[in-house]
């Protein structure tokens, strides 16, 4: 009888533990059917109107849609990306999806478009520093450097004057006469504005 009771108790403990272990097994992340692991350096880049695999400085055209290990789906022809949450977004030129399923936007405009922010998409622009193929004359560069050097010197003078004013104001209990310093600061501001034009 005692042996029977021990076997009964052991059997009930095993069945009690069994559902918990089953839950632990379902908590393990399962790769979606058809998902492919391309390694950590893979990028699915939208280039020239379609998605290509960019890996190890090589570009490989795709022949089928992609499903990543995290469940992200990529349409190789249209650049439409479906995230595991079900959210859809469309890649623009230069945008890519990395192998972990994160989207990296090439420009602020494409990021704004993905958020459906038409105001931000229209307002997001890059300032061009140098146009490709455009030759900038050396005299223009020298003039720009001279202007920047003058601005720097004027800013240094302004900082010195402001420090003098702060020193005067902090040392005296009665308000000192700072009209001369204020006039010099106004003149420096005017000179800085002229250089900025």
C-alpha atoms as a PDB file:
ATOM      1  CA  UNK A   1       0.000   0.000   0.000  1.00  0.00           C
ATOM      2  CA  UNK A   2       2.804   2.339   0.879  1.00  0.00           C
ATOM      3  CA  UNK A   3       4.532   1.685  -2.470  1.00  0.00           C
ATOM      4  CA  UNK A   4       1.279   2.312  -4.303  1.00  0.00           C
ATOM      5  CA  UNK A   5       0.878   5.651  -2.494  1.00  0.00           C
ATOM      6  CA  UNK A   6       4.451   6.703  -3.404  1.00  0.00           C
ATOM      7  CA  UNK A   7       3.888   5.792  -7.058  1.00  0.00           C
ATOM      8  CA  UNK A   8       0.612   7.697  -7.089  1.00  0.00           C
ATOM      9  CA  UNK A   9       2.257  10.764  -5.539  1.00  0.00           C
ATOM     10  CA  UNK A  10       5.183  10.612  -7.998  1.00  0.00           C
ATOM     11  CA  UNK A  11       2.826  10.276 -10.955  1.00  0.00           C
ATOM     12  CA  UNK A  12       0.771  13.261  -9.867  1.00  0.00           C
ATOM     13  CA  UNK A  13       3.932  15.359  -9.420  1.00  0.00           C
ATOM     14  CA  UNK A  14       5.130  14.452 -12.900  1.00  0.00           C
ATOM     15  CA  UNK A  15       1.833  15.462 -14.481  1.00  0.00           C
ATOM     16  CA  UNK A  16       1.874  18.682 -12.471  1.00  0.00           C
ATOM     17  CA  UNK A  17       5.385  19.479 -13.733  1.00  0.00           C
ATOM     18  CA  UNK A  18       4.619  18.471 -17.298  1.00  0.00           C
ATOM     19  CA  UNK A  19       2.359  21.446 -18.223  1.00  0.00           C
ATOM     20  CA  UNK A  20       4.933  23.879 -16.845  1.00  0.00           C
ATOM     21  CA  UNK A  21       7.677  22.361 -18.947  1.00  0.00           C
ATOM     22  CA  UNK A  22       5.353  22.478 -21.962  1.00  0.00           C
ATOM     23  CA  UNK A  23       4.852  26.194 -21.373  1.00  0.00           C
ATOM     24  CA  UNK A  24       8.600  26.718 -21.194  1.00  0.00           C
ATOM     25  CA  UNK A  25       8.996  24.960 -24.530  1.00  0.00           C
ATOM     26  CA  UNK A  26       6.418  27.214 -26.185  1.00  0.00           C
ATOM     27  CA  UNK A  27       8.228  30.278 -24.812  1.00  0.00           C
ATOM     28  CA  UNK A  28      11.255  29.353 -26.920  1.00  0.00           C
ATOM     29  CA  UNK A  29      11.345  31.485 -30.029  1.00  0.00           C
ATOM     30  CA  UNK A  30      10.487  29.473 -33.099  1.00  0.00           C
ATOM     31  CA  UNK A  31      11.701  30.571 -36.508  1.00  0.00           C
ATOM     32  CA  UNK A  32       8.784  31.244 -38.862  1.00  0.00           C
ATOM     33  CA  UNK A  33       8.272  28.774 -41.689  1.00  0.00           C
ATOM     34  CA  UNK A  34      10.342  29.800 -44.685  1.00  0.00           C
ATOM     35  CA  UNK A  35      12.535  32.199 -42.700  1.00  0.00           C
ATOM     36  CA  UNK A  36      16.138  32.417 -43.805  1.00  0.00           C
ATOM     37  CA  UNK A  37      19.132  33.496 -41.716  1.00  0.00           C
ATOM     38  CA  UNK A  38      21.499  35.629 -43.813  1.00  0.00           C
ATOM     39  CA  UNK A  39      24.023  36.435 -41.046  1.00  0.00           C
ATOM     40  CA  UNK A  40      24.585  39.642 -39.130  1.00  0.00           C
ATOM     41  CA  UNK A  41      26.039  41.733 -41.967  1.00  0.00           C
ATOM     42  CA  UNK A  42      23.199  41.281 -44.453  1.00  0.00           C
ATOM     43  CA  UNK A  43      21.224  44.293 -45.631  1.00  0.00           C
ATOM     44  CA  UNK A  44      18.149  44.196 -47.846  1.00  0.00           C
ATOM     45  CA  UNK A  45      18.693  47.473 -49.677  1.00  0.00           C
ATOM     46  CA  UNK A  46      16.112  49.244 -51.826  1.00  0.00           C
ATOM     47  CA  UNK A  47      18.148  50.210 -54.872  1.00  0.00           C
ATOM     48  CA  UNK A  48      17.026  51.252 -58.342  1.00  0.00           C
ATOM     49  CA  UNK A  49      13.406  50.376 -57.662  1.00  0.00           C
ATOM     50  CA  UNK A  50      13.829  46.938 -56.087  1.00  0.00           C
ATOM     51  CA  UNK A  51      15.335  45.211 -53.066  1.00  0.00           C
ATOM     52  CA  UNK A  52      18.788  43.647 -53.395  1.00  0.00           C
ATOM     53  CA  UNK A  53      20.897  41.717 -50.900  1.00  0.00           C
ATOM     54  CA  UNK A  54      23.917  43.799 -49.867  1.00  0.00           C
ATOM     55  CA  UNK A  55      26.488  41.667 -48.099  1.00  0.00           C
ATOM     56  CA  UNK A  56      30.300  41.801 -47.960  1.00  0.00           C
ATOM     57  CA  UNK A  57      30.348  44.760 -50.402  1.00  0.00           C
ATOM     58  CA  UNK A  58      28.431  42.701 -52.980  1.00  0.00           C
ATOM     59  CA  UNK A  59      24.957  43.378 -54.376  1.00  0.00           C
ATOM     60  CA  UNK A  60      22.916  40.340 -55.283  1.00  0.00           C
ATOM     61  CA  UNK A  61      19.533  40.644 -57.013  1.00  0.00           C
ATOM     62  CA  UNK A  62      16.715  38.784 -55.280  1.00  0.00           C
ATOM     63  CA  UNK A  63      14.331  36.423 -57.050  1.00  0.00           C
ATOM     64  CA  UNK A  64      11.803  35.910 -54.261  1.00  0.00           C
ATOM     65  CA  UNK A  65      10.327  37.654 -51.255  1.00  0.00           C
ATOM     66  CA  UNK A  66      12.264  37.462 -47.992  1.00  0.00           C
ATOM     67  CA  UNK A  67      11.110  36.316 -44.564  1.00  0.00           C
ATOM     68  CA  UNK A  68      13.581  36.996 -41.752  1.00  0.00           C
ATOM     69  CA  UNK A  69      14.005  35.003 -38.546  1.00  0.00           C
ATOM     70  CA  UNK A  70      12.108  37.631 -36.496  1.00  0.00           C
ATOM     71  CA  UNK A  71       9.095  37.378 -38.834  1.00  0.00           C
ATOM     72  CA  UNK A  72       9.751  40.534 -40.901  1.00  0.00           C
ATOM     73  CA  UNK A  73       8.626  40.053 -44.513  1.00  0.00           C
ATOM     74  CA  UNK A  74      10.147  41.979 -47.443  1.00  0.00           C
ATOM     75  CA  UNK A  75       8.633  42.176 -50.927  1.00  0.00           C
ATOM     76  CA  UNK A  76      11.678  42.244 -53.191  1.00  0.00           C
ATOM     77  CA  UNK A  77       9.870  43.960 -56.104  1.00  0.00           C
ATOM     78  CA  UNK A  78       7.930  46.718 -54.347  1.00  0.00           C
ATOM     79  CA  UNK A  79      10.022  47.274 -51.216  1.00  0.00           C
ATOM     80  CA  UNK A  80       6.990  46.842 -48.953  1.00  0.00           C
ATOM     81  CA  UNK A  81       8.038  45.622 -45.512  1.00  0.00           C
ATOM     82  CA  UNK A  82       5.665  43.911 -43.090  1.00  0.00           C
ATOM     83  CA  UNK A  83       6.943  43.968 -39.519  1.00  0.00           C
ATOM     84  CA  UNK A  84       6.059  41.179 -37.052  1.00  0.00           C
ATOM     85  CA  UNK A  85       3.513  43.538 -35.464  1.00  0.00           C
ATOM     86  CA  UNK A  86       1.636  43.652 -38.790  1.00  0.00           C
ATOM     87  CA  UNK A  87       2.661  47.255 -39.549  1.00  0.00           C
ATOM     88  CA  UNK A  88       3.431  47.913 -43.210  1.00  0.00           C
ATOM     89  CA  UNK A  89       5.942  50.409 -44.546  1.00  0.00           C
ATOM     90  CA  UNK A  90       7.544  51.012 -47.916  1.00  0.00           C
ATOM     91  CA  UNK A  91      11.279  51.354 -48.461  1.00  0.00           C
ATOM     92  CA  UNK A  92      12.602  54.286 -50.466  1.00  0.00           C
ATOM     93  CA  UNK A  93      15.879  54.560 -52.387  1.00  0.00           C
ATOM     94  CA  UNK A  94      18.786  53.829 -50.041  1.00  0.00           C
ATOM     95  CA  UNK A  95      16.656  52.486 -47.162  1.00  0.00           C
ATOM     96  CA  UNK A  96      17.434  48.967 -45.994  1.00  0.00           C
ATOM     97  CA  UNK A  97      16.339  46.265 -43.583  1.00  0.00           C
ATOM     98  CA  UNK A  98      19.131  44.623 -41.612  1.00  0.00           C
ATOM     99  CA  UNK A  99      19.276  40.921 -40.831  1.00  0.00           C
ATOM    100  CA  UNK A 100      17.689  41.521 -37.398  1.00  0.00           C
ATOM    101  CA  UNK A 101      14.610  43.001 -39.105  1.00  0.00           C
ATOM    102  CA  UNK A 102      15.240  46.672 -38.237  1.00  0.00           C
ATOM    103  CA  UNK A 103      14.655  49.321 -40.885  1.00  0.00           C
ATOM    104  CA  UNK A 104      17.390  51.901 -41.478  1.00  0.00           C
ATOM    105  CA  UNK A 105      16.245  54.984 -43.387  1.00  0.00           C
ATOM    106  CA  UNK A 106      18.608  56.693 -45.811  1.00  0.00           C
ATOM    107  CA  UNK A 107      17.169  60.190 -45.393  1.00  0.00           C
ATOM    108  CA  UNK A 108      14.983  62.092 -42.944  1.00  0.00           C
ATOM    109  CA  UNK A 109      12.443  62.347 -45.760  1.00  0.00           C
ATOM    110  CA  UNK A 110      12.091  58.573 -46.136  1.00  0.00           C
ATOM    111  CA  UNK A 111      11.795  58.183 -42.348  1.00  0.00           C
ATOM    112  CA  UNK A 112       9.046  60.833 -42.300  1.00  0.00           C
ATOM    113  CA  UNK A 113       7.279  59.113 -45.207  1.00  0.00           C
ATOM    114  CA  UNK A 114       7.358  55.808 -43.297  1.00  0.00           C
ATOM    115  CA  UNK A 115       5.633  57.573 -40.403  1.00  0.00           C
ATOM    116  CA  UNK A 116       3.117  58.997 -42.908  1.00  0.00           C
ATOM    117  CA  UNK A 117       4.328  62.476 -41.903  1.00  0.00           C
ATOM    118  CA  UNK A 118       3.889  64.431 -45.140  1.00  0.00           C
ATOM    119  CA  UNK A 119       4.921  67.724 -43.553  1.00  0.00           C
ATOM    120  CA  UNK A 120       8.168  66.239 -42.250  1.00  0.00           C
ATOM    121  CA  UNK A 121       8.809  64.457 -45.548  1.00  0.00           C
ATOM    122  CA  UNK A 122       8.525  67.723 -47.470  1.00  0.00           C
ATOM    123  CA  UNK A 123      10.539  69.723 -44.932  1.00  0.00           C
ATOM    124  CA  UNK A 124      13.382  67.217 -44.524  1.00  0.00           C
ATOM    125  CA  UNK A 125      16.150  68.296 -46.844  1.00  0.00           C
ATOM    126  CA  UNK A 126      19.901  67.971 -46.858  1.00  0.00           C
ATOM    127  CA  UNK A 127      22.108  70.980 -47.325  1.00  0.00           C
ATOM    128  CA  UNK A 128      24.663  70.378 -50.015  1.00  0.00           C
ATOM    129  CA  UNK A 129      28.194  71.362 -49.062  1.00  0.00           C
ATOM    130  CA  UNK A 130      29.845  70.543 -52.358  1.00  0.00           C
ATOM    131  CA  UNK A 131      28.153  69.534 -55.580  1.00  0.00           C
ATOM    132  CA  UNK A 132      29.705  66.623 -57.401  1.00  0.00           C
ATOM    133  CA  UNK A 133      31.601  67.705 -60.455  1.00  0.00           C
ATOM    134  CA  UNK A 134      31.546  71.357 -59.437  1.00  0.00           C
ATOM    135  CA  UNK A 135      34.940  73.003 -59.126  1.00  0.00           C
ATOM    136  CA  UNK A 136      35.163  75.652 -56.413  1.00  0.00           C
ATOM    137  CA  UNK A 137      37.773  78.323 -57.178  1.00  0.00           C
ATOM    138  CA  UNK A 138      40.602  78.586 -54.664  1.00  0.00           C
ATOM    139  CA  UNK A 139      39.913  82.304 -54.220  1.00  0.00           C
ATOM    140  CA  UNK A 140      36.352  81.513 -53.022  1.00  0.00           C
ATOM    141  CA  UNK A 141      37.669  79.017 -50.495  1.00  0.00           C
ATOM    142  CA  UNK A 142      40.290  81.492 -49.284  1.00  0.00           C
ATOM    143  CA  UNK A 143      37.655  84.220 -48.868  1.00  0.00           C
ATOM    144  CA  UNK A 144      35.456  81.857 -46.883  1.00  0.00           C
ATOM    145  CA  UNK A 145      38.359  80.892 -44.610  1.00  0.00           C
ATOM    146  CA  UNK A 146      39.230  84.569 -44.052  1.00  0.00           C
ATOM    147  CA  UNK A 147      35.605  85.358 -43.161  1.00  0.00           C
ATOM    148  CA  UNK A 148      35.478  82.469 -40.703  1.00  0.00           C
ATOM    149  CA  UNK A 149      38.770  83.577 -39.138  1.00  0.00           C
ATOM    150  CA  UNK A 150      37.409  87.116 -38.673  1.00  0.00           C
ATOM    151  CA  UNK A 151      34.210  85.753 -37.131  1.00  0.00           C
ATOM    152  CA  UNK A 152      36.249  83.684 -34.692  1.00  0.00           C
ATOM    153  CA  UNK A 153      38.330  86.695 -33.622  1.00  0.00           C
ATOM    154  CA  UNK A 154      35.197  88.806 -33.121  1.00  0.00           C
ATOM    155  CA  UNK A 155      33.572  86.048 -31.061  1.00  0.00           C
ATOM    156  CA  UNK A 156      36.677  85.826 -28.871  1.00  0.00           C
ATOM    157  CA  UNK A 157      36.516  89.614 -28.293  1.00  0.00           C
ATOM    158  CA  UNK A 158      32.832  89.331 -27.418  1.00  0.00           C
ATOM    159  CA  UNK A 159      33.529  86.602 -24.875  1.00  0.00           C
ATOM    160  CA  UNK A 160      36.243  88.735 -23.254  1.00  0.00           C
ATOM    161  CA  UNK A 161      33.893  91.737 -23.037  1.00  0.00           C
ATOM    162  CA  UNK A 162      31.087  89.625 -21.585  1.00  0.00           C
ATOM    163  CA  UNK A 163      33.478  88.202 -18.978  1.00  0.00           C
ATOM    164  CA  UNK A 164      34.525  91.750 -18.060  1.00  0.00           C
ATOM    165  CA  UNK A 165      30.906  92.780 -17.652  1.00  0.00           C
ATOM    166  CA  UNK A 166      30.134  89.740 -15.491  1.00  0.00           C
ATOM    167  CA  UNK A 167      33.194  90.489 -13.365  1.00  0.00           C
ATOM    168  CA  UNK A 168      32.094  94.113 -12.876  1.00  0.00           C
ATOM    169  CA  UNK A 169      28.546  93.149 -12.011  1.00  0.00           C
ATOM    170  CA  UNK A 170      29.573  90.481  -9.536  1.00  0.00           C
ATOM    171  CA  UNK A 171      32.139  92.590  -7.619  1.00  0.00           C
ATOM    172  CA  UNK A 172      30.146  95.710  -6.883  1.00  0.00           C
ATOM    173  CA  UNK A 173      27.114  95.987  -4.647  1.00  0.00           C
ATOM    174  CA  UNK A 174      25.772  98.987  -6.570  1.00  0.00           C
ATOM    175  CA  UNK A 175      25.108  98.551 -10.278  1.00  0.00           C
ATOM    176  CA  UNK A 176      28.222  99.669 -12.184  1.00  0.00           C
ATOM    177  CA  UNK A 177      28.199 101.773 -15.334  1.00  0.00           C
ATOM    178  CA  UNK A 178      28.514  99.258 -18.189  1.00  0.00           C
ATOM    179  CA  UNK A 179      27.485 101.569 -21.014  1.00  0.00           C
ATOM    180  CA  UNK A 180      30.935 101.501 -22.627  1.00  0.00           C
ATOM    181  CA  UNK A 181      31.033  97.679 -22.556  1.00  0.00           C
ATOM    182  CA  UNK A 182      27.467  97.497 -23.874  1.00  0.00           C
ATOM    183  CA  UNK A 183      28.398  99.822 -26.771  1.00  0.00           C
ATOM    184  CA  UNK A 184      31.418  97.674 -27.646  1.00  0.00           C
ATOM    185  CA  UNK A 185      29.241  94.550 -27.553  1.00  0.00           C
ATOM    186  CA  UNK A 186      26.704  96.165 -29.912  1.00  0.00           C
ATOM    187  CA  UNK A 187      29.489  97.106 -32.350  1.00  0.00           C
ATOM    188  CA  UNK A 188      30.827  93.537 -32.286  1.00  0.00           C
ATOM    189  CA  UNK A 189      27.314  92.173 -32.960  1.00  0.00           C
ATOM    190  CA  UNK A 190      26.979  94.496 -35.971  1.00  0.00           C
ATOM    191  CA  UNK A 191      30.336  93.360 -37.340  1.00  0.00           C
ATOM    192  CA  UNK A 192      29.336  89.707 -36.883  1.00  0.00           C
ATOM    193  CA  UNK A 193      26.065  90.316 -38.720  1.00  0.00           C
ATOM    194  CA  UNK A 194      27.935  91.944 -41.607  1.00  0.00           C
ATOM    195  CA  UNK A 195      30.255  88.939 -41.911  1.00  0.00           C
ATOM    196  CA  UNK A 196      27.297  86.534 -41.856  1.00  0.00           C
ATOM    197  CA  UNK A 197      25.781  88.124 -44.986  1.00  0.00           C
END
